[in-house]
Amino acid sequence: MNLAQYIDHTILKPDTSLSAIEKVCQEARNHGFFSVCVNPYYVSTVKALLEGSSVKVTSVVGFPLGAQKTATKVYETQEALIDGADEIDMVINVAALKNKAYEVVLNDIKAVRKAINHPKVLKVIIETCLLSDDEKIKACQLSVEAGADYVKTSTGFSSGGATLEDIKLMRQTVGPDIGVKASGGIKSQAQVMELIEAGATRIGASSSVEIVTNQKVESKGY
């Protein structure tokens, strides 16, 4: 198994420096990670730094709360694509989901999907730590209906991250043909292997180098 190809090497802290971005991109080149995941501000920079490599560029949208209006998410998506993003990780409208305003959630995702031409990829972050199991199932169902390529557990900025139970539930809900991305609090190679065994097909992590080299991680965060 090429573990590095499961990983979106992620750096999303608000105080991220250019030197940190340069370091992450070099690590992605060295280890062959699938993509580098950044905030929209750095998408064009990362695209330039990764030129000539096979590493893709992932941009978050509606991050980290998902509470922006749909038109804002669409514009943010369009700008990220212009800047060179290959994949978009959008946050659902969590409040609308919990209010059972399912058409709002569905149309929010659909609008972003419409802005992204295949083969560029849409991952939908459902923020599992804020949802009941029934809400997780509904969020996954709406994401699939809207045309998402992946459902994703977490932003890494809320009260919890990826769990085995959530990955199993999400995989069971979306079936075999939709991707499942585990993110938030993933720190070890053993944890990654368990998540993949449970049904994850992509991993979002900032400790990616430590994971693929099987080193102990001391830091906290995404």
N, C-alpha and C. Protein backbone atom coordinates (compact mmCIF):
# COMPACT_ATOMS: atom_id res chain seq x y z
N MET A 1 0.84 -1.20 0.00
CA MET A 1 0.00 0.00 0.00
C MET A 1 0.88 1.26 0.00
N ASN A 2 0.57 2.18 -0.92
CA ASN A 2 1.26 3.47 -0.94
C ASN A 2 0.49 4.44 -0.05
N LEU A 3 0.85 4.48 1.22
CA LEU A 3 0.09 5.24 2.20
C LEU A 3 0.07 6.72 1.87
N ALA A 4 1.15 7.24 1.33
CA ALA A 4 1.23 8.67 1.02
C ALA A 4 0.15 9.11 0.04
N GLN A 5 -0.27 8.19 -0.84
CA GLN A 5 -1.28 8.54 -1.85
C GLN A 5 -2.70 8.63 -1.28
N TYR A 6 -2.85 8.28 -0.02
CA TYR A 6 -4.13 8.47 0.66
C TYR A 6 -4.23 9.86 1.31
N ILE A 7 -3.13 10.58 1.37
CA ILE A 7 -3.05 11.72 2.28
C ILE A 7 -3.12 13.07 1.57
N ASP A 8 -4.04 13.92 2.06
CA ASP A 8 -4.03 15.35 1.75
C ASP A 8 -3.21 16.02 2.85
N HIS A 9 -2.02 16.45 2.51
CA HIS A 9 -1.10 17.09 3.47
C HIS A 9 -1.66 18.49 3.75
N THR A 10 -2.02 18.74 4.99
CA THR A 10 -2.93 19.84 5.31
C THR A 10 -2.28 20.89 6.20
N ILE A 11 -2.48 22.16 5.82
CA ILE A 11 -2.02 23.27 6.65
C ILE A 11 -3.05 24.40 6.54
N LEU A 12 -3.85 24.56 7.61
CA LEU A 12 -5.00 25.45 7.56
C LEU A 12 -5.05 26.47 8.69
N LYS A 13 -4.04 26.52 9.53
CA LYS A 13 -4.06 27.47 10.64
C LYS A 13 -4.07 28.90 10.11
N PRO A 14 -4.79 29.80 10.79
CA PRO A 14 -4.92 31.16 10.27
C PRO A 14 -3.62 31.95 10.24
N ASP A 15 -2.64 31.55 11.04
CA ASP A 15 -1.37 32.28 11.08
C ASP A 15 -0.27 31.60 10.25
N THR A 16 -0.68 30.75 9.32
CA THR A 16 0.28 30.02 8.49
C THR A 16 1.15 30.98 7.68
N SER A 17 2.47 30.82 7.78
CA SER A 17 3.41 31.69 7.07
C SER A 17 3.74 31.12 5.70
N LEU A 18 4.30 31.97 4.85
CA LEU A 18 4.73 31.52 3.53
C LEU A 18 5.81 30.45 3.65
N SER A 19 6.72 30.61 4.61
CA SER A 19 7.77 29.60 4.78
C SER A 19 7.20 28.26 5.17
N ALA A 20 6.11 28.26 5.96
CA ALA A 20 5.45 27.01 6.33
C ALA A 20 4.79 26.36 5.12
N ILE A 21 4.21 27.17 4.26
CA ILE A 21 3.61 26.66 3.02
C ILE A 21 4.69 26.05 2.12
N GLU A 22 5.81 26.72 2.01
CA GLU A 22 6.91 26.21 1.19
C GLU A 22 7.41 24.87 1.73
N LYS A 23 7.48 24.74 3.06
CA LYS A 23 7.94 23.51 3.69
C LYS A 23 6.96 22.36 3.41
N VAL A 24 5.67 22.64 3.55
CA VAL A 24 4.65 21.62 3.32
C VAL A 24 4.66 21.15 1.86
N CYS A 25 4.83 22.08 0.94
CA CYS A 25 4.88 21.70 -0.48
C CYS A 25 6.10 20.85 -0.80
N GLN A 26 7.24 21.17 -0.19
CA GLN A 26 8.44 20.36 -0.40
C GLN A 26 8.26 18.97 0.20
N GLU A 27 7.63 18.91 1.38
CA GLU A 27 7.34 17.59 1.98
C GLU A 27 6.42 16.78 1.09
N ALA A 28 5.43 17.45 0.50
CA ALA A 28 4.50 16.74 -0.39
C ALA A 28 5.22 16.18 -1.61
N ARG A 29 6.14 16.94 -2.15
CA ARG A 29 6.95 16.46 -3.27
C ARG A 29 7.82 15.27 -2.84
N ASN A 30 8.47 15.43 -1.69
CA ASN A 30 9.42 14.40 -1.24
C ASN A 30 8.74 13.07 -0.95
N HIS A 31 7.56 13.14 -0.36
CA HIS A 31 6.89 11.91 0.09
C HIS A 31 5.79 11.43 -0.86
N GLY A 32 5.44 12.25 -1.84
CA GLY A 32 4.43 11.83 -2.81
C GLY A 32 3.02 11.83 -2.26
N PHE A 33 2.68 12.83 -1.44
CA PHE A 33 1.31 12.92 -0.93
C PHE A 33 0.35 13.21 -2.07
N PHE A 34 -0.92 12.85 -1.88
CA PHE A 34 -1.89 13.04 -2.96
C PHE A 34 -2.10 14.52 -3.26
N SER A 35 -2.28 15.32 -2.19
CA SER A 35 -2.49 16.74 -2.40
C SER A 35 -1.98 17.54 -1.21
N VAL A 36 -1.92 18.85 -1.41
CA VAL A 36 -1.70 19.80 -0.33
C VAL A 36 -2.99 20.58 -0.16
N CYS A 37 -3.51 20.62 1.07
CA CYS A 37 -4.79 21.26 1.37
C CYS A 37 -4.55 22.56 2.14
N VAL A 38 -5.02 23.67 1.56
CA VAL A 38 -4.77 24.99 2.14
C VAL A 38 -6.02 25.86 2.07
N ASN A 39 -5.95 26.99 2.79
CA ASN A 39 -6.98 28.01 2.67
C ASN A 39 -6.86 28.70 1.31
N PRO A 40 -7.96 29.32 0.83
CA PRO A 40 -7.95 29.92 -0.51
C PRO A 40 -6.84 30.93 -0.76
N TYR A 41 -6.44 31.65 0.26
CA TYR A 41 -5.38 32.66 0.11
C TYR A 41 -4.11 32.09 -0.49
N TYR A 42 -3.81 30.82 -0.18
CA TYR A 42 -2.54 30.23 -0.60
C TYR A 42 -2.65 29.31 -1.82
N VAL A 43 -3.83 29.20 -2.43
CA VAL A 43 -3.99 28.24 -3.52
C VAL A 43 -3.05 28.54 -4.68
N SER A 44 -2.99 29.78 -5.13
CA SER A 44 -2.14 30.10 -6.28
C SER A 44 -0.66 29.89 -5.95
N THR A 45 -0.29 30.19 -4.72
CA THR A 45 1.09 29.98 -4.28
C THR A 45 1.45 28.50 -4.31
N VAL A 46 0.56 27.67 -3.76
CA VAL A 46 0.80 26.23 -3.73
C VAL A 46 0.83 25.65 -5.14
N LYS A 47 -0.06 26.13 -6.00
CA LYS A 47 -0.06 25.66 -7.39
C LYS A 47 1.30 25.90 -8.04
N ALA A 48 1.86 27.08 -7.81
CA ALA A 48 3.17 27.40 -8.39
C ALA A 48 4.27 26.55 -7.77
N LEU A 49 4.21 26.34 -6.45
CA LEU A 49 5.25 25.58 -5.77
C LEU A 49 5.24 24.10 -6.16
N LEU A 50 4.07 23.60 -6.55
CA LEU A 50 3.94 22.18 -6.89
C LEU A 50 4.04 21.93 -8.39
N GLU A 51 4.29 22.97 -9.17
CA GLU A 51 4.36 22.82 -10.62
C GLU A 51 5.40 21.77 -11.01
N GLY A 52 5.00 20.89 -11.92
CA GLY A 52 5.90 19.84 -12.37
C GLY A 52 5.84 18.57 -11.56
N SER A 53 5.06 18.59 -10.45
CA SER A 53 4.89 17.39 -9.64
C SER A 53 3.50 16.80 -9.89
N SER A 54 3.26 15.61 -9.34
CA SER A 54 1.94 14.98 -9.47
C SER A 54 1.02 15.35 -8.31
N VAL A 55 1.52 16.14 -7.36
CA VAL A 55 0.74 16.51 -6.17
C VAL A 55 -0.35 17.51 -6.55
N LYS A 56 -1.56 17.24 -6.14
CA LYS A 56 -2.69 18.11 -6.46
C LYS A 56 -2.86 19.20 -5.40
N VAL A 57 -3.72 20.17 -5.73
CA VAL A 57 -3.99 21.29 -4.83
C VAL A 57 -5.44 21.21 -4.38
N THR A 58 -5.65 21.20 -3.06
CA THR A 58 -6.99 21.19 -2.48
C THR A 58 -7.22 22.51 -1.76
N SER A 59 -8.38 23.12 -2.02
CA SER A 59 -8.78 24.34 -1.31
C SER A 59 -10.02 24.06 -0.48
N VAL A 60 -10.05 24.60 0.73
CA VAL A 60 -11.28 24.56 1.52
C VAL A 60 -12.19 25.71 1.09
N VAL A 61 -13.50 25.52 1.29
CA VAL A 61 -14.51 26.52 0.94
C VAL A 61 -15.56 26.54 2.04
N GLY A 62 -16.00 27.74 2.40
CA GLY A 62 -16.99 27.86 3.48
C GLY A 62 -16.40 27.43 4.81
N PHE A 63 -15.12 27.63 4.95
CA PHE A 63 -14.36 27.07 6.07
C PHE A 63 -14.20 28.10 7.18
N PRO A 64 -14.26 27.69 8.46
CA PRO A 64 -14.54 26.34 8.95
C PRO A 64 -15.98 26.09 9.40
N LEU A 65 -16.85 27.10 9.33
CA LEU A 65 -18.18 26.98 9.93
C LEU A 65 -19.26 26.52 8.97
N GLY A 66 -19.10 26.78 7.67
CA GLY A 66 -20.12 26.41 6.70
C GLY A 66 -21.33 27.31 6.70
N ALA A 67 -21.26 28.42 7.43
CA ALA A 67 -22.44 29.27 7.63
C ALA A 67 -22.56 30.39 6.61
N GLN A 68 -21.65 30.45 5.66
CA GLN A 68 -21.74 31.46 4.61
C GLN A 68 -22.96 31.18 3.73
N LYS A 69 -23.42 32.22 3.05
CA LYS A 69 -24.49 32.03 2.08
C LYS A 69 -23.96 31.27 0.87
N THR A 70 -24.86 30.60 0.17
CA THR A 70 -24.47 29.76 -0.95
C THR A 70 -23.71 30.53 -2.02
N ALA A 71 -24.17 31.73 -2.34
CA ALA A 71 -23.50 32.52 -3.38
C ALA A 71 -22.05 32.82 -3.00
N THR A 72 -21.80 32.99 -1.71
CA THR A 72 -20.44 33.23 -1.25
C THR A 72 -19.58 31.99 -1.46
N LYS A 73 -20.13 30.83 -1.14
CA LYS A 73 -19.39 29.58 -1.33
C LYS A 73 -19.10 29.34 -2.81
N VAL A 74 -20.07 29.64 -3.65
CA VAL A 74 -19.88 29.46 -5.09
C VAL A 74 -18.76 30.37 -5.60
N TYR A 75 -18.79 31.63 -5.20
CA TYR A 75 -17.75 32.57 -5.63
C TYR A 75 -16.38 32.12 -5.13
N GLU A 76 -16.33 31.70 -3.87
CA GLU A 76 -15.06 31.23 -3.30
C GLU A 76 -14.54 30.03 -4.07
N THR A 77 -15.44 29.14 -4.45
CA THR A 77 -15.07 27.97 -5.24
C THR A 77 -14.52 28.38 -6.60
N GLN A 78 -15.22 29.27 -7.27
CA GLN A 78 -14.78 29.73 -8.60
C GLN A 78 -13.40 30.37 -8.54
N GLU A 79 -13.17 31.18 -7.52
CA GLU A 79 -11.87 31.83 -7.37
C GLU A 79 -10.77 30.81 -7.10
N ALA A 80 -11.07 29.80 -6.27
CA ALA A 80 -10.09 28.76 -5.97
C ALA A 80 -9.72 27.97 -7.23
N LEU A 81 -10.72 27.70 -8.06
CA LEU A 81 -10.47 26.97 -9.31
C LEU A 81 -9.63 27.81 -10.27
N ILE A 82 -9.93 29.10 -10.36
CA ILE A 82 -9.12 29.99 -11.19
C ILE A 82 -7.66 30.00 -10.72
N ASP A 83 -7.49 29.96 -9.41
CA ASP A 83 -6.15 30.00 -8.83
C ASP A 83 -5.40 28.68 -8.96
N GLY A 84 -6.11 27.62 -9.36
CA GLY A 84 -5.42 26.36 -9.63
C GLY A 84 -5.82 25.17 -8.78
N ALA A 85 -6.89 25.29 -7.99
CA ALA A 85 -7.32 24.15 -7.16
C ALA A 85 -7.80 22.99 -8.03
N ASP A 86 -7.42 21.80 -7.64
CA ASP A 86 -7.90 20.57 -8.29
C ASP A 86 -9.07 19.96 -7.55
N GLU A 87 -9.13 20.20 -6.25
CA GLU A 87 -10.18 19.63 -5.40
C GLU A 87 -10.69 20.70 -4.44
N ILE A 88 -11.98 20.62 -4.12
CA ILE A 88 -12.63 21.55 -3.22
C ILE A 88 -13.22 20.79 -2.04
N ASP A 89 -12.85 21.20 -0.83
CA ASP A 89 -13.43 20.63 0.40
C ASP A 89 -14.34 21.68 1.01
N MET A 90 -15.65 21.53 0.81
CA MET A 90 -16.61 22.53 1.30
C MET A 90 -17.28 22.07 2.59
N VAL A 91 -17.63 23.02 3.43
CA VAL A 91 -18.34 22.73 4.68
C VAL A 91 -19.83 22.92 4.45
N ILE A 92 -20.63 21.94 4.87
CA ILE A 92 -22.08 22.09 4.74
C ILE A 92 -22.61 23.17 5.68
N ASN A 93 -23.83 23.58 5.44
CA ASN A 93 -24.53 24.48 6.35
C ASN A 93 -25.06 23.63 7.52
N VAL A 94 -24.28 23.56 8.57
CA VAL A 94 -24.61 22.69 9.71
C VAL A 94 -25.91 23.15 10.37
N ALA A 95 -26.09 24.45 10.52
CA ALA A 95 -27.30 24.96 11.15
C ALA A 95 -28.54 24.56 10.36
N ALA A 96 -28.47 24.68 9.05
CA ALA A 96 -29.62 24.30 8.21
C ALA A 96 -29.92 22.81 8.35
N LEU A 97 -28.88 21.99 8.41
CA LEU A 97 -29.10 20.55 8.59
C LEU A 97 -29.80 20.27 9.91
N LYS A 98 -29.34 20.91 10.97
CA LYS A 98 -29.92 20.65 12.29
C LYS A 98 -31.33 21.23 12.39
N ASN A 99 -31.63 22.24 11.56
CA ASN A 99 -33.00 22.78 11.49
C ASN A 99 -33.90 21.96 10.59
N LYS A 100 -33.35 20.89 10.02
CA LYS A 100 -34.06 20.03 9.07
C LYS A 100 -34.45 20.78 7.79
N ALA A 101 -33.71 21.81 7.47
CA ALA A 101 -33.91 22.55 6.22
C ALA A 101 -33.10 21.85 5.13
N TYR A 102 -33.55 20.66 4.78
CA TYR A 102 -32.73 19.79 3.92
C TYR A 102 -32.57 20.33 2.51
N GLU A 103 -33.58 21.04 1.99
CA GLU A 103 -33.45 21.62 0.65
C GLU A 103 -32.35 22.68 0.62
N VAL A 104 -32.22 23.42 1.73
CA VAL A 104 -31.16 24.42 1.82
C VAL A 104 -29.79 23.75 1.75
N VAL A 105 -29.64 22.68 2.51
CA VAL A 105 -28.37 21.94 2.52
C VAL A 105 -28.08 21.35 1.14
N LEU A 106 -29.09 20.73 0.56
CA LEU A 106 -28.93 20.09 -0.75
C LEU A 106 -28.56 21.11 -1.81
N ASN A 107 -29.28 22.22 -1.85
CA ASN A 107 -29.03 23.22 -2.88
C ASN A 107 -27.69 23.92 -2.69
N ASP A 108 -27.26 24.05 -1.44
CA ASP A 108 -25.95 24.62 -1.13
C ASP A 108 -24.84 23.77 -1.75
N ILE A 109 -24.93 22.47 -1.56
CA ILE A 109 -23.93 21.56 -2.13
C ILE A 109 -24.03 21.51 -3.64
N LYS A 110 -25.27 21.45 -4.14
CA LYS A 110 -25.47 21.40 -5.59
C LYS A 110 -24.87 22.60 -6.29
N ALA A 111 -25.01 23.77 -5.68
CA ALA A 111 -24.50 24.99 -6.30
C ALA A 111 -22.98 24.96 -6.42
N VAL A 112 -22.32 24.45 -5.38
CA VAL A 112 -20.86 24.32 -5.44
C VAL A 112 -20.46 23.24 -6.45
N ARG A 113 -21.20 22.14 -6.45
CA ARG A 113 -20.93 21.08 -7.44
C ARG A 113 -21.03 21.61 -8.86
N LYS A 114 -22.04 22.45 -9.11
CA LYS A 114 -22.24 23.00 -10.45
C LYS A 114 -21.07 23.88 -10.88
N ALA A 115 -20.43 24.51 -9.90
CA ALA A 115 -19.29 25.39 -10.18
C ALA A 115 -18.01 24.62 -10.49
N ILE A 116 -18.01 23.32 -10.20
CA ILE A 116 -16.82 22.49 -10.37
C ILE A 116 -17.03 21.52 -11.52
N ASN A 117 -16.27 21.65 -12.56
CA ASN A 117 -16.37 20.72 -13.67
C ASN A 117 -15.58 19.46 -13.38
N HIS A 118 -16.16 18.30 -13.67
CA HIS A 118 -15.41 17.06 -13.58
C HIS A 118 -14.24 17.13 -14.56
N PRO A 119 -13.07 16.56 -14.26
CA PRO A 119 -12.82 15.61 -13.18
C PRO A 119 -12.40 16.24 -11.86
N LYS A 120 -12.51 17.56 -11.73
CA LYS A 120 -12.17 18.17 -10.45
C LYS A 120 -13.15 17.69 -9.39
N VAL A 121 -12.66 17.57 -8.16
CA VAL A 121 -13.32 16.79 -7.12
C VAL A 121 -13.96 17.68 -6.07
N LEU A 122 -15.18 17.28 -5.64
CA LEU A 122 -15.86 17.94 -4.53
C LEU A 122 -15.94 17.00 -3.34
N LYS A 123 -15.39 17.45 -2.21
CA LYS A 123 -15.55 16.74 -0.95
C LYS A 123 -16.42 17.60 -0.04
N VAL A 124 -17.35 16.97 0.65
CA VAL A 124 -18.30 17.69 1.50
C VAL A 124 -18.01 17.37 2.97
N ILE A 125 -17.63 18.40 3.72
CA ILE A 125 -17.33 18.24 5.14
C ILE A 125 -18.62 18.35 5.93
N ILE A 126 -18.98 17.29 6.65
CA ILE A 126 -20.25 17.30 7.37
C ILE A 126 -20.10 17.66 8.85
N GLU A 127 -18.88 17.76 9.35
CA GLU A 127 -18.57 18.11 10.75
C GLU A 127 -19.30 17.17 11.72
N THR A 128 -18.86 15.92 11.70
CA THR A 128 -19.52 14.84 12.44
C THR A 128 -19.66 15.09 13.93
N CYS A 129 -18.71 15.80 14.53
CA CYS A 129 -18.74 16.00 15.98
C CYS A 129 -19.94 16.83 16.42
N LEU A 130 -20.58 17.54 15.50
CA LEU A 130 -21.74 18.37 15.84
C LEU A 130 -23.07 17.70 15.52
N LEU A 131 -23.01 16.47 14.99
CA LEU A 131 -24.22 15.81 14.48
C LEU A 131 -24.54 14.53 15.23
N SER A 132 -25.83 14.23 15.31
CA SER A 132 -26.26 12.91 15.77
C SER A 132 -26.03 11.91 14.65
N ASP A 133 -26.13 10.62 14.94
CA ASP A 133 -25.94 9.62 13.90
C ASP A 133 -26.97 9.79 12.78
N ASP A 134 -28.21 10.09 13.14
CA ASP A 134 -29.24 10.31 12.12
C ASP A 134 -28.89 11.50 11.23
N GLU A 135 -28.35 12.55 11.85
CA GLU A 135 -27.94 13.73 11.08
C GLU A 135 -26.74 13.43 10.19
N LYS A 136 -25.82 12.62 10.67
CA LYS A 136 -24.67 12.21 9.84
C LYS A 136 -25.15 11.45 8.61
N ILE A 137 -26.08 10.54 8.82
CA ILE A 137 -26.63 9.77 7.70
C ILE A 137 -27.30 10.69 6.70
N LYS A 138 -28.11 11.62 7.21
CA LYS A 138 -28.82 12.55 6.31
C LYS A 138 -27.83 13.43 5.56
N ALA A 139 -26.81 13.92 6.24
CA ALA A 139 -25.81 14.76 5.58
C ALA A 139 -25.11 14.00 4.46
N CYS A 140 -24.79 12.74 4.70
CA CYS A 140 -24.16 11.91 3.67
C CYS A 140 -25.10 11.67 2.49
N GLN A 141 -26.36 11.39 2.79
CA GLN A 141 -27.34 11.16 1.73
C GLN A 141 -27.51 12.40 0.85
N LEU A 142 -27.60 13.56 1.49
CA LEU A 142 -27.75 14.81 0.74
C LEU A 142 -26.51 15.10 -0.11
N SER A 143 -25.34 14.79 0.44
CA SER A 143 -24.09 15.01 -0.30
C SER A 143 -24.04 14.14 -1.55
N VAL A 144 -24.43 12.89 -1.41
CA VAL A 144 -24.45 11.98 -2.57
C VAL A 144 -25.47 12.46 -3.60
N GLU A 145 -26.65 12.85 -3.12
CA GLU A 145 -27.69 13.34 -4.03
C GLU A 145 -27.23 14.57 -4.80
N ALA A 146 -26.43 15.41 -4.14
CA ALA A 146 -25.98 16.65 -4.76
C ALA A 146 -24.80 16.44 -5.71
N GLY A 147 -24.23 15.24 -5.74
CA GLY A 147 -23.16 14.95 -6.68
C GLY A 147 -21.76 15.01 -6.11
N ALA A 148 -21.63 14.95 -4.79
CA ALA A 148 -20.30 14.97 -4.16
C ALA A 148 -19.50 13.74 -4.55
N ASP A 149 -18.19 13.91 -4.64
CA ASP A 149 -17.29 12.79 -4.88
C ASP A 149 -16.86 12.12 -3.59
N TYR A 150 -16.84 12.91 -2.50
CA TYR A 150 -16.44 12.42 -1.18
C TYR A 150 -17.34 13.05 -0.12
N VAL A 151 -17.49 12.34 0.98
CA VAL A 151 -17.95 12.95 2.23
C VAL A 151 -16.76 12.93 3.19
N LYS A 152 -16.67 13.96 4.02
CA LYS A 152 -15.50 14.15 4.87
C LYS A 152 -15.96 14.42 6.30
N THR A 153 -15.24 13.89 7.26
CA THR A 153 -15.71 13.94 8.64
C THR A 153 -15.69 15.34 9.24
N SER A 154 -14.59 16.07 9.08
CA SER A 154 -14.33 17.17 10.00
C SER A 154 -13.50 18.28 9.39
N THR A 155 -13.64 19.47 9.97
CA THR A 155 -12.76 20.59 9.63
C THR A 155 -11.46 20.53 10.43
N GLY A 156 -11.51 19.90 11.60
CA GLY A 156 -10.38 19.95 12.52
C GLY A 156 -10.40 21.18 13.40
N PHE A 157 -11.44 22.01 13.25
CA PHE A 157 -11.54 23.25 14.01
C PHE A 157 -12.71 23.25 14.98
N SER A 158 -13.42 22.15 15.09
CA SER A 158 -14.56 22.08 15.99
C SER A 158 -14.21 21.22 17.21
N SER A 159 -15.18 20.59 17.80
CA SER A 159 -14.98 19.92 19.09
C SER A 159 -14.47 18.48 18.97
N GLY A 160 -14.30 17.99 17.76
CA GLY A 160 -13.81 16.62 17.60
C GLY A 160 -13.43 16.35 16.17
N GLY A 161 -12.75 15.22 15.94
CA GLY A 161 -12.29 14.86 14.62
C GLY A 161 -12.80 13.50 14.18
N ALA A 162 -12.00 12.82 13.38
CA ALA A 162 -12.41 11.55 12.80
C ALA A 162 -12.44 10.44 13.84
N THR A 163 -13.46 9.59 13.76
CA THR A 163 -13.54 8.39 14.59
C THR A 163 -13.82 7.18 13.70
N LEU A 164 -13.44 6.03 14.18
CA LEU A 164 -13.71 4.80 13.42
C LEU A 164 -15.20 4.59 13.23
N GLU A 165 -15.96 4.89 14.28
CA GLU A 165 -17.42 4.68 14.22
C GLU A 165 -18.04 5.56 13.13
N ASP A 166 -17.58 6.79 13.04
CA ASP A 166 -18.13 7.69 12.02
C ASP A 166 -17.74 7.24 10.61
N ILE A 167 -16.51 6.81 10.44
CA ILE A 167 -16.09 6.33 9.12
C ILE A 167 -16.92 5.12 8.70
N LYS A 168 -17.14 4.20 9.61
CA LYS A 168 -17.96 3.02 9.30
C LYS A 168 -19.37 3.43 8.92
N LEU A 169 -19.95 4.37 9.68
CA LEU A 169 -21.31 4.82 9.40
C LEU A 169 -21.39 5.54 8.05
N MET A 170 -20.42 6.38 7.78
CA MET A 170 -20.42 7.11 6.52
C MET A 170 -20.24 6.17 5.33
N ARG A 171 -19.34 5.20 5.45
CA ARG A 171 -19.13 4.24 4.37
C ARG A 171 -20.41 3.42 4.14
N GLN A 172 -21.04 2.98 5.21
CA GLN A 172 -22.28 2.22 5.10
C GLN A 172 -23.35 3.04 4.40
N THR A 173 -23.38 4.33 4.68
CA THR A 173 -24.43 5.21 4.13
C THR A 173 -24.20 5.51 2.65
N VAL A 174 -22.96 5.83 2.27
CA VAL A 174 -22.72 6.27 0.89
C VAL A 174 -22.48 5.12 -0.08
N GLY A 175 -22.21 3.93 0.44
CA GLY A 175 -21.94 2.80 -0.42
C GLY A 175 -20.51 2.78 -0.92
N PRO A 176 -20.21 1.88 -1.86
CA PRO A 176 -18.81 1.66 -2.26
C PRO A 176 -18.25 2.66 -3.27
N ASP A 177 -19.09 3.47 -3.89
CA ASP A 177 -18.64 4.26 -5.04
C ASP A 177 -18.33 5.73 -4.71
N ILE A 178 -18.60 6.16 -3.48
CA ILE A 178 -18.31 7.52 -3.05
C ILE A 178 -17.14 7.49 -2.07
N GLY A 179 -16.23 8.45 -2.21
CA GLY A 179 -15.09 8.49 -1.32
C GLY A 179 -15.47 8.93 0.09
N VAL A 180 -14.70 8.50 1.06
CA VAL A 180 -14.87 8.93 2.46
C VAL A 180 -13.52 9.44 2.95
N LYS A 181 -13.50 10.69 3.37
CA LYS A 181 -12.25 11.29 3.85
C LYS A 181 -12.31 11.47 5.36
N ALA A 182 -11.32 10.93 6.04
CA ALA A 182 -11.17 11.09 7.49
C ALA A 182 -10.22 12.23 7.76
N SER A 183 -10.62 13.15 8.63
CA SER A 183 -9.74 14.27 8.96
C SER A 183 -10.04 14.75 10.37
N GLY A 184 -9.04 15.38 10.97
CA GLY A 184 -9.19 15.90 12.32
C GLY A 184 -8.61 14.97 13.36
N GLY A 185 -7.47 15.36 13.92
CA GLY A 185 -6.88 14.61 15.02
C GLY A 185 -6.17 13.33 14.64
N ILE A 186 -5.80 13.18 13.38
CA ILE A 186 -5.15 11.94 12.93
C ILE A 186 -3.64 12.11 13.06
N LYS A 187 -3.04 11.27 13.91
CA LYS A 187 -1.65 11.49 14.31
C LYS A 187 -0.71 10.32 14.11
N SER A 188 -1.23 9.13 13.82
CA SER A 188 -0.33 7.97 13.78
C SER A 188 -0.63 7.09 12.58
N GLN A 189 0.38 6.34 12.19
CA GLN A 189 0.21 5.39 11.09
C GLN A 189 -0.80 4.31 11.45
N ALA A 190 -0.77 3.85 12.69
CA ALA A 190 -1.72 2.82 13.13
C ALA A 190 -3.15 3.33 13.02
N GLN A 191 -3.36 4.59 13.42
CA GLN A 191 -4.70 5.19 13.33
C GLN A 191 -5.16 5.28 11.87
N VAL A 192 -4.25 5.67 10.99
CA VAL A 192 -4.58 5.77 9.57
C VAL A 192 -4.98 4.40 9.03
N MET A 193 -4.24 3.38 9.37
CA MET A 193 -4.54 2.03 8.88
C MET A 193 -5.91 1.56 9.35
N GLU A 194 -6.25 1.87 10.60
CA GLU A 194 -7.57 1.52 11.12
C GLU A 194 -8.68 2.25 10.39
N LEU A 195 -8.46 3.53 10.09
CA LEU A 195 -9.46 4.32 9.38
C LEU A 195 -9.66 3.82 7.95
N ILE A 196 -8.58 3.44 7.30
CA ILE A 196 -8.68 2.88 5.95
C ILE A 196 -9.42 1.55 5.99
N GLU A 197 -9.10 0.74 6.97
CA GLU A 197 -9.80 -0.54 7.13
C GLU A 197 -11.29 -0.34 7.36
N ALA A 198 -11.65 0.75 8.03
CA ALA A 198 -13.05 1.04 8.34
C ALA A 198 -13.80 1.62 7.14
N GLY A 199 -13.05 2.05 6.10
CA GLY A 199 -13.72 2.54 4.89
C GLY A 199 -13.23 3.86 4.36
N ALA A 200 -12.26 4.50 5.01
CA ALA A 200 -11.73 5.77 4.52
C ALA A 200 -10.90 5.55 3.26
N THR A 201 -11.07 6.44 2.29
CA THR A 201 -10.28 6.36 1.06
C THR A 201 -9.38 7.58 0.88
N ARG A 202 -9.48 8.53 1.80
CA ARG A 202 -8.58 9.68 1.82
C ARG A 202 -8.41 10.09 3.28
N ILE A 203 -7.24 10.62 3.59
CA ILE A 203 -6.89 11.07 4.93
C ILE A 203 -6.44 12.52 4.86
N GLY A 204 -6.99 13.37 5.73
CA GLY A 204 -6.51 14.73 5.87
C GLY A 204 -5.72 14.86 7.15
N ALA A 205 -4.47 15.31 7.05
CA ALA A 205 -3.62 15.38 8.25
C ALA A 205 -2.53 16.42 8.07
N SER A 206 -2.15 17.03 9.18
CA SER A 206 -0.98 17.91 9.17
C SER A 206 0.27 17.16 9.62
N SER A 207 0.08 16.00 10.24
CA SER A 207 1.21 15.18 10.70
C SER A 207 1.56 14.11 9.67
N SER A 208 1.42 14.45 8.42
CA SER A 208 1.55 13.46 7.34
C SER A 208 2.94 12.83 7.28
N VAL A 209 3.97 13.63 7.46
CA VAL A 209 5.34 13.09 7.38
C VAL A 209 5.56 12.08 8.49
N GLU A 210 5.13 12.44 9.71
CA GLU A 210 5.26 11.52 10.84
C GLU A 210 4.46 10.24 10.61
N ILE A 211 3.30 10.38 9.97
CA ILE A 211 2.46 9.21 9.71
C ILE A 211 3.15 8.25 8.75
N VAL A 212 3.65 8.76 7.62
CA VAL A 212 4.23 7.85 6.63
C VAL A 212 5.58 7.30 7.06
N THR A 213 6.27 8.02 7.96
CA THR A 213 7.55 7.53 8.46
C THR A 213 7.40 6.81 9.80
N ASN A 214 6.16 6.72 10.26
CA ASN A 214 5.81 6.00 11.50
C ASN A 214 6.56 6.56 12.71
N GLN A 215 6.55 7.89 12.83
CA GLN A 215 7.15 8.56 13.98
C GLN A 215 6.06 9.01 14.95
N LYS A 216 6.45 9.20 16.20
CA LYS A 216 5.51 9.68 17.21
C LYS A 216 5.25 11.17 16.99
N VAL A 217 3.99 11.58 17.16
CA VAL A 217 3.60 12.97 16.98
C VAL A 217 3.27 13.58 18.33
N GLU A 218 3.88 14.71 18.61
CA GLU A 218 3.64 15.40 19.89
C GLU A 218 2.66 16.56 19.75
N SER A 219 2.57 17.12 18.54
CA SER A 219 1.79 18.33 18.33
C SER A 219 0.29 18.05 18.36
N LYS A 220 -0.48 19.13 18.53
CA LYS A 220 -1.93 19.05 18.51
C LYS A 220 -2.45 19.76 17.26
N GLY A 221 -3.73 19.54 16.95
CA GLY A 221 -4.35 20.25 15.84
C GLY A 221 -4.83 19.30 14.76
N TYR A 222 -5.01 19.83 13.57
CA TYR A 222 -5.55 19.10 12.42
C TYR A 222 -4.72 17.85 12.15
